Amino acid sequence: MRKVLLDLNPARSVEWIHEYLKFELEFEEYYGNNLDALYDQLTSITEDTCLGVFCPLKEDTKLSKYLEKVKKVIKDAELDNPCLCVIFGDMEENYDEE
């Protein structure tokens, strides 16, 4: 199983986030640096992969709101890709609200 730890705490821009994800997850050069491309890449993973995702504390900033969208894309991809397992650093993020 491939294990990848993603520390998004140093994120300072949307561009940084996508460059970091591209590097850490070894996405192809043609990665589109947007949420749709992130979802496509995550759902295309065919090797059992566990992602540990650490994000900054929630703030009311534009970047924090974008990080919430990134986390939602990661969660959605996990639901659609049986090869992907995601564990968030914030325990409550690991459980559905249902």
PDB file of N, CA and C in Angstrom:
ATOM      1  N   MET A   1       0.853  -1.182   0.000  1.00  0.00           N
ATOM      2  CA  MET A   1       0.000   0.000   0.000  1.00  0.00           C
ATOM      3  C   MET A   1       0.895   1.240   0.000  1.00  0.00           C
ATOM      4  N   ARG A   2       0.536   2.179  -0.817  1.00  0.00           N
ATOM      5  CA  ARG A   2       1.234   3.464  -0.865  1.00  0.00           C
ATOM      6  C   ARG A   2       0.644   4.375   0.210  1.00  0.00           C
ATOM      7  N   LYS A   3       1.507   5.031   0.964  1.00  0.00           N
ATOM      8  CA  LYS A   3       1.069   5.960   2.009  1.00  0.00           C
ATOM      9  C   LYS A   3       1.626   7.332   1.713  1.00  0.00           C
ATOM     10  N   VAL A   4       0.747   8.342   1.744  1.00  0.00           N
ATOM     11  CA  VAL A   4       1.155   9.714   1.443  1.00  0.00           C
ATOM     12  C   VAL A   4       0.595  10.628   2.528  1.00  0.00           C
ATOM     13  N   LEU A   5       1.476  11.433   3.128  1.00  0.00           N
ATOM     14  CA  LEU A   5       1.040  12.432   4.094  1.00  0.00           C
ATOM     15  C   LEU A   5       1.016  13.792   3.400  1.00  0.00           C
ATOM     16  N   LEU A   6      -0.104  14.466   3.509  1.00  0.00           N
ATOM     17  CA  LEU A   6      -0.271  15.781   2.898  1.00  0.00           C
ATOM     18  C   LEU A   6      -0.446  16.823   3.999  1.00  0.00           C
ATOM     19  N   ASP A   7       0.526  17.706   4.136  1.00  0.00           N
ATOM     20  CA  ASP A   7       0.453  18.775   5.126  1.00  0.00           C
ATOM     21  C   ASP A   7       0.133  20.071   4.403  1.00  0.00           C
ATOM     22  N   LEU A   8      -1.103  20.488   4.484  1.00  0.00           N
ATOM     23  CA  LEU A   8      -1.551  21.704   3.800  1.00  0.00           C
ATOM     24  C   LEU A   8      -1.450  22.943   4.686  1.00  0.00           C
ATOM     25  N   ASN A   9      -0.863  22.799   5.866  1.00  0.00           N
ATOM     26  CA  ASN A   9      -0.714  23.940   6.771  1.00  0.00           C
ATOM     27  C   ASN A   9       0.078  25.092   6.171  1.00  0.00           C
ATOM     28  N   PRO A  10       1.145  24.852   5.404  1.00  0.00           N
ATOM     29  CA  PRO A  10       1.889  25.989   4.850  1.00  0.00           C
ATOM     30  C   PRO A  10       1.218  26.675   3.659  1.00  0.00           C
ATOM     31  N   ALA A  11       0.051  26.214   3.245  1.00  0.00           N
ATOM     32  CA  ALA A  11      -0.606  26.759   2.053  1.00  0.00           C
ATOM     33  C   ALA A  11      -0.757  28.273   2.142  1.00  0.00           C
ATOM     34  N   ARG A  12      -0.319  28.955   1.075  1.00  0.00           N
ATOM     35  CA  ARG A  12      -0.434  30.410   1.013  1.00  0.00           C
ATOM     36  C   ARG A  12      -1.207  30.877  -0.207  1.00  0.00           C
ATOM     37  N   SER A  13      -1.470  29.938  -1.125  1.00  0.00           N
ATOM     38  CA  SER A  13      -2.219  30.293  -2.336  1.00  0.00           C
ATOM     39  C   SER A  13      -2.812  29.034  -2.945  1.00  0.00           C
ATOM     40  N   VAL A  14      -3.793  29.230  -3.817  1.00  0.00           N
ATOM     41  CA  VAL A  14      -4.400  28.113  -4.547  1.00  0.00           C
ATOM     42  C   VAL A  14      -3.337  27.444  -5.421  1.00  0.00           C
ATOM     43  N   GLU A  15      -2.492  28.250  -6.027  1.00  0.00           N
ATOM     44  CA  GLU A  15      -1.438  27.706  -6.888  1.00  0.00           C
ATOM     45  C   GLU A  15      -0.502  26.807  -6.088  1.00  0.00           C
ATOM     46  N   TRP A  16      -0.130  27.262  -4.886  1.00  0.00           N
ATOM     47  CA  TRP A  16       0.746  26.454  -4.023  1.00  0.00           C
ATOM     48  C   TRP A  16       0.102  25.108  -3.721  1.00  0.00           C
ATOM     49  N   ILE A  17      -1.177  25.119  -3.395  1.00  0.00           N
ATOM     50  CA  ILE A  17      -1.889  23.886  -3.053  1.00  0.00           C
ATOM     51  C   ILE A  17      -1.781  22.885  -4.197  1.00  0.00           C
ATOM     52  N   HIS A  18      -2.071  23.321  -5.407  1.00  0.00           N
ATOM     53  CA  HIS A  18      -2.066  22.392  -6.538  1.00  0.00           C
ATOM     54  C   HIS A  18      -0.658  21.935  -6.903  1.00  0.00           C
ATOM     55  N   GLU A  19       0.319  22.819  -6.807  1.00  0.00           N
ATOM     56  CA  GLU A  19       1.702  22.405  -7.072  1.00  0.00           C
ATOM     57  C   GLU A  19       2.158  21.380  -6.032  1.00  0.00           C
ATOM     58  N   TYR A  20       1.791  21.594  -4.793  1.00  0.00           N
ATOM     59  CA  TYR A  20       2.139  20.670  -3.712  1.00  0.00           C
ATOM     60  C   TYR A  20       1.472  19.306  -3.930  1.00  0.00           C
ATOM     61  N   LEU A  21       0.173  19.304  -4.223  1.00  0.00           N
ATOM     62  CA  LEU A  21      -0.536  18.044  -4.457  1.00  0.00           C
ATOM     63  C   LEU A  21       0.045  17.311  -5.665  1.00  0.00           C
ATOM     64  N   LYS A  22       0.347  18.050  -6.699  1.00  0.00           N
ATOM     65  CA  LYS A  22       0.932  17.465  -7.908  1.00  0.00           C
ATOM     66  C   LYS A  22       2.251  16.774  -7.579  1.00  0.00           C
ATOM     67  N   PHE A  23       3.084  17.422  -6.789  1.00  0.00           N
ATOM     68  CA  PHE A  23       4.379  16.857  -6.423  1.00  0.00           C
ATOM     69  C   PHE A  23       4.226  15.652  -5.501  1.00  0.00           C
ATOM     70  N   GLU A  24       3.491  15.823  -4.416  1.00  0.00           N
ATOM     71  CA  GLU A  24       3.367  14.763  -3.405  1.00  0.00           C
ATOM     72  C   GLU A  24       2.641  13.526  -3.932  1.00  0.00           C
ATOM     73  N   LEU A  25       1.651  13.734  -4.788  1.00  0.00           N
ATOM     74  CA  LEU A  25       0.872  12.610  -5.307  1.00  0.00           C
ATOM     75  C   LEU A  25       1.382  12.123  -6.662  1.00  0.00           C
ATOM     76  N   GLU A  26       2.457  12.759  -7.123  1.00  0.00           N
ATOM     77  CA  GLU A  26       3.120  12.352  -8.362  1.00  0.00           C
ATOM     78  C   GLU A  26       2.173  12.360  -9.557  1.00  0.00           C
ATOM     79  N   PHE A  27       1.406  13.456  -9.662  1.00  0.00           N
ATOM     80  CA  PHE A  27       0.515  13.620 -10.803  1.00  0.00           C
ATOM     81  C   PHE A  27       1.338  13.908 -12.054  1.00  0.00           C
ATOM     82  N   GLU A  28       0.757  13.621 -13.203  1.00  0.00           N
ATOM     83  CA  GLU A  28       1.411  13.878 -14.487  1.00  0.00           C
ATOM     84  C   GLU A  28       1.568  15.378 -14.713  1.00  0.00           C
ATOM     85  N   GLU A  29       2.470  15.729 -15.604  1.00  0.00           N
ATOM     86  CA  GLU A  29       2.727  17.138 -15.930  1.00  0.00           C
ATOM     87  C   GLU A  29       1.474  17.869 -16.411  1.00  0.00           C
ATOM     88  N   TYR A  30       0.577  17.144 -17.058  1.00  0.00           N
ATOM     89  CA  TYR A  30      -0.618  17.782 -17.612  1.00  0.00           C
ATOM     90  C   TYR A  30      -1.707  18.042 -16.570  1.00  0.00           C
ATOM     91  N   TYR A  31      -1.429  17.760 -15.295  1.00  0.00           N
ATOM     92  CA  TYR A  31      -2.405  18.020 -14.230  1.00  0.00           C
ATOM     93  C   TYR A  31      -2.916  19.458 -14.348  1.00  0.00           C
ATOM     94  N   GLY A  32      -4.223  19.637 -14.308  1.00  0.00           N
ATOM     95  CA  GLY A  32      -4.852  20.914 -14.615  1.00  0.00           C
ATOM     96  C   GLY A  32      -4.885  21.955 -13.517  1.00  0.00           C
ATOM     97  N   ASN A  33      -4.344  21.643 -12.330  1.00  0.00           N
ATOM     98  CA  ASN A  33      -4.284  22.616 -11.235  1.00  0.00           C
ATOM     99  C   ASN A  33      -5.635  23.214 -10.874  1.00  0.00           C
ATOM    100  N   ASN A  34      -6.652  22.354 -10.809  1.00  0.00           N
ATOM    101  CA  ASN A  34      -7.975  22.804 -10.378  1.00  0.00           C
ATOM    102  C   ASN A  34      -8.688  21.635  -9.698  1.00  0.00           C
ATOM    103  N   LEU A  35      -9.838  21.885  -9.123  1.00  0.00           N
ATOM    104  CA  LEU A  35     -10.541  20.858  -8.346  1.00  0.00           C
ATOM    105  C   LEU A  35     -11.043  19.704  -9.212  1.00  0.00           C
ATOM    106  N   ASP A  36     -11.486  19.991 -10.425  1.00  0.00           N
ATOM    107  CA  ASP A  36     -11.928  18.915 -11.316  1.00  0.00           C
ATOM    108  C   ASP A  36     -10.770  17.986 -11.658  1.00  0.00           C
ATOM    109  N   ALA A  37      -9.606  18.568 -11.937  1.00  0.00           N
ATOM    110  CA  ALA A  37      -8.423  17.767 -12.253  1.00  0.00           C
ATOM    111  C   ALA A  37      -7.995  16.949 -11.038  1.00  0.00           C
ATOM    112  N   LEU A  38      -8.101  17.529  -9.843  1.00  0.00           N
ATOM    113  CA  LEU A  38      -7.763  16.801  -8.619  1.00  0.00           C
ATOM    114  C   LEU A  38      -8.659  15.576  -8.470  1.00  0.00           C
ATOM    115  N   TYR A  39      -9.948  15.772  -8.640  1.00  0.00           N
ATOM    116  CA  TYR A  39     -10.891  14.649  -8.550  1.00  0.00           C
ATOM    117  C   TYR A  39     -10.548  13.571  -9.589  1.00  0.00           C
ATOM    118  N   ASP A  40     -10.296  13.985 -10.815  1.00  0.00           N
ATOM    119  CA  ASP A  40      -9.965  13.024 -11.872  1.00  0.00           C
ATOM    120  C   ASP A  40      -8.718  12.229 -11.529  1.00  0.00           C
ATOM    121  N   GLN A  41      -7.704  12.896 -11.022  1.00  0.00           N
ATOM    122  CA  GLN A  41      -6.465  12.198 -10.670  1.00  0.00           C
ATOM    123  C   GLN A  41      -6.685  11.230  -9.509  1.00  0.00           C
ATOM    124  N   LEU A  42      -7.407  11.675  -8.487  1.00  0.00           N
ATOM    125  CA  LEU A  42      -7.627  10.820  -7.318  1.00  0.00           C
ATOM    126  C   LEU A  42      -8.485   9.605  -7.656  1.00  0.00           C
ATOM    127  N   THR A  43      -9.452   9.777  -8.520  1.00  0.00           N
ATOM    128  CA  THR A  43     -10.301   8.630  -8.879  1.00  0.00           C
ATOM    129  C   THR A  43      -9.628   7.720  -9.901  1.00  0.00           C
ATOM    130  N   SER A  44      -8.500   8.159 -10.446  1.00  0.00           N
ATOM    131  CA  SER A  44      -7.755   7.330 -11.398  1.00  0.00           C
ATOM    132  C   SER A  44      -6.684   6.481 -10.729  1.00  0.00           C
ATOM    133  N   ILE A  45      -6.483   6.669  -9.440  1.00  0.00           N
ATOM    134  CA  ILE A  45      -5.469   5.888  -8.719  1.00  0.00           C
ATOM    135  C   ILE A  45      -5.886   4.421  -8.715  1.00  0.00           C
ATOM    136  N   THR A  46      -4.970   3.547  -9.128  1.00  0.00           N
ATOM    137  CA  THR A  46      -5.280   2.116  -9.200  1.00  0.00           C
ATOM    138  C   THR A  46      -4.495   1.295  -8.178  1.00  0.00           C
ATOM    139  N   GLU A  47      -3.550   1.905  -7.504  1.00  0.00           N
ATOM    140  CA  GLU A  47      -2.769   1.234  -6.458  1.00  0.00           C
ATOM    141  C   GLU A  47      -3.389   1.598  -5.114  1.00  0.00           C
ATOM    142  N   ASP A  48      -3.538   0.621  -4.205  1.00  0.00           N
ATOM    143  CA  ASP A  48      -4.066   0.944  -2.881  1.00  0.00           C
ATOM    144  C   ASP A  48      -3.236   2.069  -2.281  1.00  0.00           C
ATOM    145  N   THR A  49      -3.925   3.161  -1.920  1.00  0.00           N
ATOM    146  CA  THR A  49      -3.247   4.362  -1.455  1.00  0.00           C
ATOM    147  C   THR A  49      -3.976   4.917  -0.242  1.00  0.00           C
ATOM    148  N   CYS A  50      -3.209   5.241   0.781  1.00  0.00           N
ATOM    149  CA  CYS A  50      -3.764   5.877   1.975  1.00  0.00           C
ATOM    150  C   CYS A  50      -3.212   7.290   2.052  1.00  0.00           C
ATOM    151  N   LEU A  51      -4.111   8.264   2.134  1.00  0.00           N
ATOM    152  CA  LEU A  51      -3.719   9.664   2.266  1.00  0.00           C
ATOM    153  C   LEU A  51      -3.998  10.136   3.682  1.00  0.00           C
ATOM    154  N   GLY A  52      -2.990  10.688   4.331  1.00  0.00           N
ATOM    155  CA  GLY A  52      -3.163  11.385   5.598  1.00  0.00           C
ATOM    156  C   GLY A  52      -3.179  12.862   5.278  1.00  0.00           C
ATOM    157  N   VAL A  53      -4.260  13.552   5.598  1.00  0.00           N
ATOM    158  CA  VAL A  53      -4.421  14.952   5.195  1.00  0.00           C
ATOM    159  C   VAL A  53      -4.491  15.838   6.442  1.00  0.00           C
ATOM    160  N   PHE A  54      -3.558  16.777   6.513  1.00  0.00           N
ATOM    161  CA  PHE A  54      -3.506  17.724   7.620  1.00  0.00           C
ATOM    162  C   PHE A  54      -3.731  19.126   7.066  1.00  0.00           C
ATOM    163  N   CYS A  55      -4.737  19.814   7.602  1.00  0.00           N
ATOM    164  CA  CYS A  55      -5.105  21.145   7.129  1.00  0.00           C
ATOM    165  C   CYS A  55      -5.042  22.132   8.289  1.00  0.00           C
ATOM    166  N   PRO A  56      -4.874  23.410   7.963  1.00  0.00           N
ATOM    167  CA  PRO A  56      -4.878  24.423   9.024  1.00  0.00           C
ATOM    168  C   PRO A  56      -6.238  24.507   9.704  1.00  0.00           C
ATOM    169  N   LEU A  57      -6.239  25.087  10.875  1.00  0.00           N
ATOM    170  CA  LEU A  57      -7.505  25.306  11.569  1.00  0.00           C
ATOM    171  C   LEU A  57      -8.404  26.174  10.708  1.00  0.00           C
ATOM    172  N   LYS A  58      -9.690  25.950  10.846  1.00  0.00           N
ATOM    173  CA  LYS A  58     -10.652  26.686  10.023  1.00  0.00           C
ATOM    174  C   LYS A  58     -10.647  28.164  10.370  1.00  0.00           C
ATOM    175  N   GLU A  59     -10.507  28.961   9.346  1.00  0.00           N
ATOM    176  CA  GLU A  59     -10.581  30.420   9.473  1.00  0.00           C
ATOM    177  C   GLU A  59     -11.565  30.905   8.420  1.00  0.00           C
ATOM    178  N   ASP A  60     -11.954  32.124   8.544  1.00  0.00           N
ATOM    179  CA  ASP A  60     -12.886  32.682   7.565  1.00  0.00           C
ATOM    180  C   ASP A  60     -12.112  33.502   6.531  1.00  0.00           C
ATOM    181  N   THR A  61     -11.290  32.793   5.753  1.00  0.00           N
ATOM    182  CA  THR A  61     -10.525  33.456   4.697  1.00  0.00           C
ATOM    183  C   THR A  61     -10.836  32.767   3.374  1.00  0.00           C
ATOM    184  N   LYS A  62     -10.493  33.438   2.294  1.00  0.00           N
ATOM    185  CA  LYS A  62     -10.731  32.879   0.967  1.00  0.00           C
ATOM    186  C   LYS A  62      -9.961  31.562   0.792  1.00  0.00           C
ATOM    187  N   LEU A  63      -8.708  31.508   1.275  1.00  0.00           N
ATOM    188  CA  LEU A  63      -7.900  30.300   1.137  1.00  0.00           C
ATOM    189  C   LEU A  63      -8.465  29.159   1.984  1.00  0.00           C
ATOM    190  N   SER A  64      -8.935  29.467   3.181  1.00  0.00           N
ATOM    191  CA  SER A  64      -9.540  28.434   4.032  1.00  0.00           C
ATOM    192  C   SER A  64     -10.781  27.846   3.381  1.00  0.00           C
ATOM    193  N   LYS A  65     -11.561  28.690   2.748  1.00  0.00           N
ATOM    194  CA  LYS A  65     -12.757  28.209   2.049  1.00  0.00           C
ATOM    195  C   LYS A  65     -12.364  27.306   0.879  1.00  0.00           C
ATOM    196  N   TYR A  66     -11.271  27.650   0.197  1.00  0.00           N
ATOM    197  CA  TYR A  66     -10.799  26.802  -0.901  1.00  0.00           C
ATOM    198  C   TYR A  66     -10.293  25.466  -0.358  1.00  0.00           C
ATOM    199  N   LEU A  67      -9.602  25.489   0.779  1.00  0.00           N
ATOM    200  CA  LEU A  67      -9.132  24.236   1.380  1.00  0.00           C
ATOM    201  C   LEU A  67     -10.310  23.333   1.773  1.00  0.00           C
ATOM    202  N   GLU A  68     -11.409  23.928   2.191  1.00  0.00           N
ATOM    203  CA  GLU A  68     -12.613  23.138   2.484  1.00  0.00           C
ATOM    204  C   GLU A  68     -13.107  22.441   1.213  1.00  0.00           C
ATOM    205  N   LYS A  69     -13.028  23.126   0.087  1.00  0.00           N
ATOM    206  CA  LYS A  69     -13.419  22.522  -1.190  1.00  0.00           C
ATOM    207  C   LYS A  69     -12.457  21.392  -1.566  1.00  0.00           C
ATOM    208  N   VAL A  70     -11.176  21.601  -1.322  1.00  0.00           N
ATOM    209  CA  VAL A  70     -10.183  20.551  -1.592  1.00  0.00           C
ATOM    210  C   VAL A  70     -10.510  19.308  -0.763  1.00  0.00           C
ATOM    211  N   LYS A  71     -10.801  19.511   0.523  1.00  0.00           N
ATOM    212  CA  LYS A  71     -11.146  18.372   1.383  1.00  0.00           C
ATOM    213  C   LYS A  71     -12.403  17.664   0.882  1.00  0.00           C
ATOM    214  N   LYS A  72     -13.387  18.417   0.421  1.00  0.00           N
ATOM    215  CA  LYS A  72     -14.614  17.792  -0.112  1.00  0.00           C
ATOM    216  C   LYS A  72     -14.302  16.969  -1.346  1.00  0.00           C
ATOM    217  N   VAL A  73     -13.461  17.471  -2.234  1.00  0.00           N
ATOM    218  CA  VAL A  73     -13.075  16.717  -3.429  1.00  0.00           C
ATOM    219  C   VAL A  73     -12.369  15.427  -3.022  1.00  0.00           C
ATOM    220  N   ILE A  74     -11.477  15.516  -2.037  1.00  0.00           N
ATOM    221  CA  ILE A  74     -10.758  14.322  -1.574  1.00  0.00           C
ATOM    222  C   ILE A  74     -11.741  13.308  -0.991  1.00  0.00           C
ATOM    223  N   LYS A  75     -12.690  13.784  -0.190  1.00  0.00           N
ATOM    224  CA  LYS A  75     -13.704  12.885   0.387  1.00  0.00           C
ATOM    225  C   LYS A  75     -14.550  12.241  -0.712  1.00  0.00           C
ATOM    226  N   ASP A  76     -14.983  13.020  -1.696  1.00  0.00           N
ATOM    227  CA  ASP A  76     -15.793  12.480  -2.792  1.00  0.00           C
ATOM    228  C   ASP A  76     -15.009  11.446  -3.584  1.00  0.00           C
ATOM    229  N   ALA A  77     -13.742  11.715  -3.830  1.00  0.00           N
ATOM    230  CA  ALA A  77     -12.905  10.767  -4.577  1.00  0.00           C
ATOM    231  C   ALA A  77     -12.736   9.470  -3.796  1.00  0.00           C
ATOM    232  N   GLU A  78     -12.613   9.577  -2.484  1.00  0.00           N
ATOM    233  CA  GLU A  78     -12.493   8.373  -1.657  1.00  0.00           C
ATOM    234  C   GLU A  78     -13.746   7.498  -1.790  1.00  0.00           C
ATOM    235  N   LEU A  79     -14.906   8.139  -1.836  1.00  0.00           N
ATOM    236  CA  LEU A  79     -16.156   7.387  -1.981  1.00  0.00           C
ATOM    237  C   LEU A  79     -16.236   6.674  -3.329  1.00  0.00           C
ATOM    238  N   ASP A  80     -15.645   7.284  -4.353  1.00  0.00           N
ATOM    239  CA  ASP A  80     -15.744   6.745  -5.708  1.00  0.00           C
ATOM    240  C   ASP A  80     -14.577   5.853  -6.118  1.00  0.00           C
ATOM    241  N   ASN A  81     -13.517   5.801  -5.316  1.00  0.00           N
ATOM    242  CA  ASN A  81     -12.351   4.999  -5.674  1.00  0.00           C
ATOM    243  C   ASN A  81     -12.032   4.019  -4.548  1.00  0.00           C
ATOM    244  N   PRO A  82     -12.294   2.728  -4.744  1.00  0.00           N
ATOM    245  CA  PRO A  82     -12.030   1.740  -3.692  1.00  0.00           C
ATOM    246  C   PRO A  82     -10.545   1.577  -3.373  1.00  0.00           C
ATOM    247  N   CYS A  83      -9.667   2.105  -4.199  1.00  0.00           N
ATOM    248  CA  CYS A  83      -8.220   2.025  -3.946  1.00  0.00           C
ATOM    249  C   CYS A  83      -7.732   3.161  -3.058  1.00  0.00           C
ATOM    250  N   LEU A  84      -8.606   4.087  -2.721  1.00  0.00           N
ATOM    251  CA  LEU A  84      -8.201   5.284  -1.986  1.00  0.00           C
ATOM    252  C   LEU A  84      -8.788   5.278  -0.575  1.00  0.00           C
ATOM    253  N   CYS A  85      -7.911   5.471   0.412  1.00  0.00           N
ATOM    254  CA  CYS A  85      -8.316   5.594   1.810  1.00  0.00           C
ATOM    255  C   CYS A  85      -7.780   6.927   2.304  1.00  0.00           C
ATOM    256  N   VAL A  86      -8.623   7.714   2.968  1.00  0.00           N
ATOM    257  CA  VAL A  86      -8.225   9.045   3.423  1.00  0.00           C
ATOM    258  C   VAL A  86      -8.449   9.149   4.926  1.00  0.00           C
ATOM    259  N   ILE A  87      -7.442   9.688   5.607  1.00  0.00           N
ATOM    260  CA  ILE A  87      -7.543   9.948   7.037  1.00  0.00           C
ATOM    261  C   ILE A  87      -7.153  11.402   7.251  1.00  0.00           C
ATOM    262  N   PHE A  88      -8.065  12.168   7.835  1.00  0.00           N
ATOM    263  CA  PHE A  88      -7.813  13.574   8.104  1.00  0.00           C
ATOM    264  C   PHE A  88      -7.246  13.742   9.515  1.00  0.00           C
ATOM    265  N   GLY A  89      -6.377  14.727   9.677  1.00  0.00           N
ATOM    266  CA  GLY A  89      -5.768  15.003  10.969  1.00  0.00           C
ATOM    267  C   GLY A  89      -6.771  15.425  12.017  1.00  0.00           C
ATOM    268  N   ASP A  90      -7.828  16.088  11.604  1.00  0.00           N
ATOM    269  CA  ASP A  90      -8.908  16.494  12.503  1.00  0.00           C
ATOM    270  C   ASP A  90      -9.898  15.334  12.571  1.00  0.00           C
ATOM    271  N   MET A  91      -9.985  14.691  13.725  1.00  0.00           N
ATOM    272  CA  MET A  91     -10.775  13.461  13.861  1.00  0.00           C
ATOM    273  C   MET A  91     -12.202  13.582  13.340  1.00  0.00           C
ATOM    274  N   GLU A  92     -12.865  14.680  13.607  1.00  0.00           N
ATOM    275  CA  GLU A  92     -14.269  14.800  13.183  1.00  0.00           C
ATOM    276  C   GLU A  92     -14.408  14.839  11.678  1.00  0.00           C
ATOM    277  N   GLU A  93     -13.337  15.170  10.959  1.00  0.00           N
ATOM    278  CA  GLU A  93     -13.376  15.182   9.496  1.00  0.00           C
ATOM    279  C   GLU A  93     -13.492  13.761   8.935  1.00  0.00           C
ATOM    280  N   ASN A  94     -13.210  12.759   9.745  1.00  0.00           N
ATOM    281  CA  ASN A  94     -13.181  11.372   9.286  1.00  0.00           C
ATOM    282  C   ASN A  94     -14.554  10.695   9.312  1.00  0.00           C
ATOM    283  N   TYR A  95     -15.563  11.393   9.784  1.00  0.00           N
ATOM    284  CA  TYR A  95     -16.882  10.804   9.917  1.00  0.00           C
ATOM    285  C   TYR A  95     -17.913  11.623   9.158  1.00  0.00           C
ATOM    286  N   ASP A  96     -18.834  10.914   8.533  1.00  0.00           N
ATOM    287  CA  ASP A  96     -19.933  11.600   7.851  1.00  0.00           C
ATOM    288  C   ASP A  96     -20.807  12.291   8.885  1.00  0.00           C
ATOM    289  N   GLU A  97     -21.448  13.341   8.439  1.00  0.00           N
ATOM    290  CA  GLU A  97     -22.338  14.092   9.339  1.00  0.00           C
ATOM    291  C   GLU A  97     -23.696  13.436   9.479  1.00  0.00           C
ATOM    292  N   GLU A  98     -23.935  12.368   8.781  1.00  0.00           N
ATOM    293  CA  GLU A  98     -25.252  11.705   8.810  1.00  0.00           C
ATOM    294  C   GLU A  98     -25.493  11.006  10.110  1.00  0.00           C
TER     295      GLU A  98
END
